[in-house]
Amino acid sequence: MKNIKRVLLINTNLIKPPVAPIGLDYIGSALIKSGFETELLDLNFSKNIKEDIRKKLAENNFFAIGVNIRNSDDCYYLSQDNFLTRIKDIIKYIKKYSKSPIILGGGGFSVMPLEIICYLEADFGILGDGEFVLPELLRVIRENKKYSDGINNIAGVISKDKNNKIIKSHNCSLEEYPLPDRDLVDNKKYFDEGGMGNVETKRGCNRKCIYCADPLIKGKRLRVRPVKTVINEIKKLISKKINYIHFCDSELNIPQDHTTELLKQIIENKLGDKIRWYSYMSPVPFDEGLIKLLKRSGCEGINFGVDSTHEIILKNLGRDHNLEDLEKISKLCSKHKIKFMFDLLLGGPGEDKDTIKFTIESIKKLNPTCVGISYGIRVYPITNLSSMIKKDIFSSKNLYGKIGNSNNFLRPVFFLSEKIGEVMIEYTNSLVSGDGRFFVGASNKSDKNYNYNENLKLQKAIKSGYRGAFWDILQRLNSNSI
């Protein structure tokens, strides 16, 4: 007989170096506080996935099983590694040993929930935040033998029996969420093998980039966590001997007032002496007052999503910064000795050889610590880019990858401007050849590989004691080899 309190959460993210499944840590803590006996099967550290699933399910009775989908694929044009095929095999094996309902969740699921729940043949899925939604769904499952009617009024839940209707996500104020215990996931092991811990300070993104899936995952409204809660969570990680942290917000510096208060509290609590940290940031807003706080609070490096420096391309991508903003960043980061990375996204609407050359030449003059280059734009459903494609604003000549007759973008599909196409890769590489600051596209076996997925060079470095953001570790390795 199934234990009506026991729930199993499964991490299906197998990428190495490993990234701690912070979502499962948050969800697991919420489940435990709601009275559910919660266990984690972390397949990232599994040496025999099928055997570990069999053993876990054969020896325990769980009345529901939650499956996390962090990413549907690696979003990398040169590899196009589709994770969903592996997750489908995992779910098939779960069903071999359990008849309990399977509930999908995670950022990768929220990007295209209807497509994924049908493809994986799961029972339920949670769109957006799950801290309140999953306990409510579990109570309905536990208390109703015929629970199909009971889930109709739960915001954020979809099921295979709901005739493919999207239900609005349940994304409420983060002030209502309790402090997570951070004990379900083995965060110290992830630190030892992945080089960083992670903390979330907010959810949501109000940017209007045409390609970005973050507003689909976390909502378009910015929702900040109470600063005191974030500080206490950092202290929890420090107590686990984790002293390198990544703030995994879409953009840490938006809204700036919340960031300013957080940094001041880190300084007042003297945490800047105990940790080094990294984050993603938007090129705007960014000023002298902010960077002084960044330095004092222990900031080691910042990854700026730059995409391009060309005015027309930036406008086409829906970006709101310009070359002058990047010049300001370069001066401030160099002055205060904070490492900074500029991430480029080449091949968008209107891209050609001239715009790429302009971007590369201007970036070189700005002299960032390093530059990441991604070729092509992964197309996700419901983004503005996918809408443009479906309206035939762009022709099929712009699409590359796993293109089907009735494409729903479930499999990796990439946009490359028809003005340059795949020639872009060789051309761009010729512009940056010999410049060690640039991480270019390459095979997984190359020392220049910028794809973190199954990056053996990174894994070896972290095992030998390197800590920090992956891009910073790669840059240090490249510098040491010169």
Foldseek 3Di string as FASTA:
>chain_A
DADLQEEEEEELDQFPVDAFPVLCLQQVQLSVVVPHHYAYDYCNPDPDLLVSLQVVLVVHHHQEYEYEDAAQALQFVVPLGGSLVVVLVSLVSNVVRDPHAYEYEHQRCLLPVLVSCVVSVGFKYFHARDSPQVVLVSVLSSPDPPSPVVCPPRARMDGPPPVSDHGHHDADAQQPRDQGLSPNTPQLVSCLQVFAHEDEFWAADQAQFQADSRCSRHNNDIHGYPLVSRVVVVVSVVVVVGAEYEHEYPALCVVVVSNVVNLVVLLVVVSLVRHAYEYEHELPPDDLVNVVSCLSNRYAEYEYAPQFQDPVQCVQRRHDDHLVSLLRVLVNCVVSVHAYEYEHEPFDEPGALVRLLVRLVSVVVSDGLAYEYGYFGWHTPPGNVVVCVVVPVDDPLQKDDDDDPDDNSSRTITGGYNNQPPVVQVSNCVSCPPPLRYQGPDDLPDLSHPRSGVNPVQSVQSNVPRHYDSSVSSSVVSVVVD
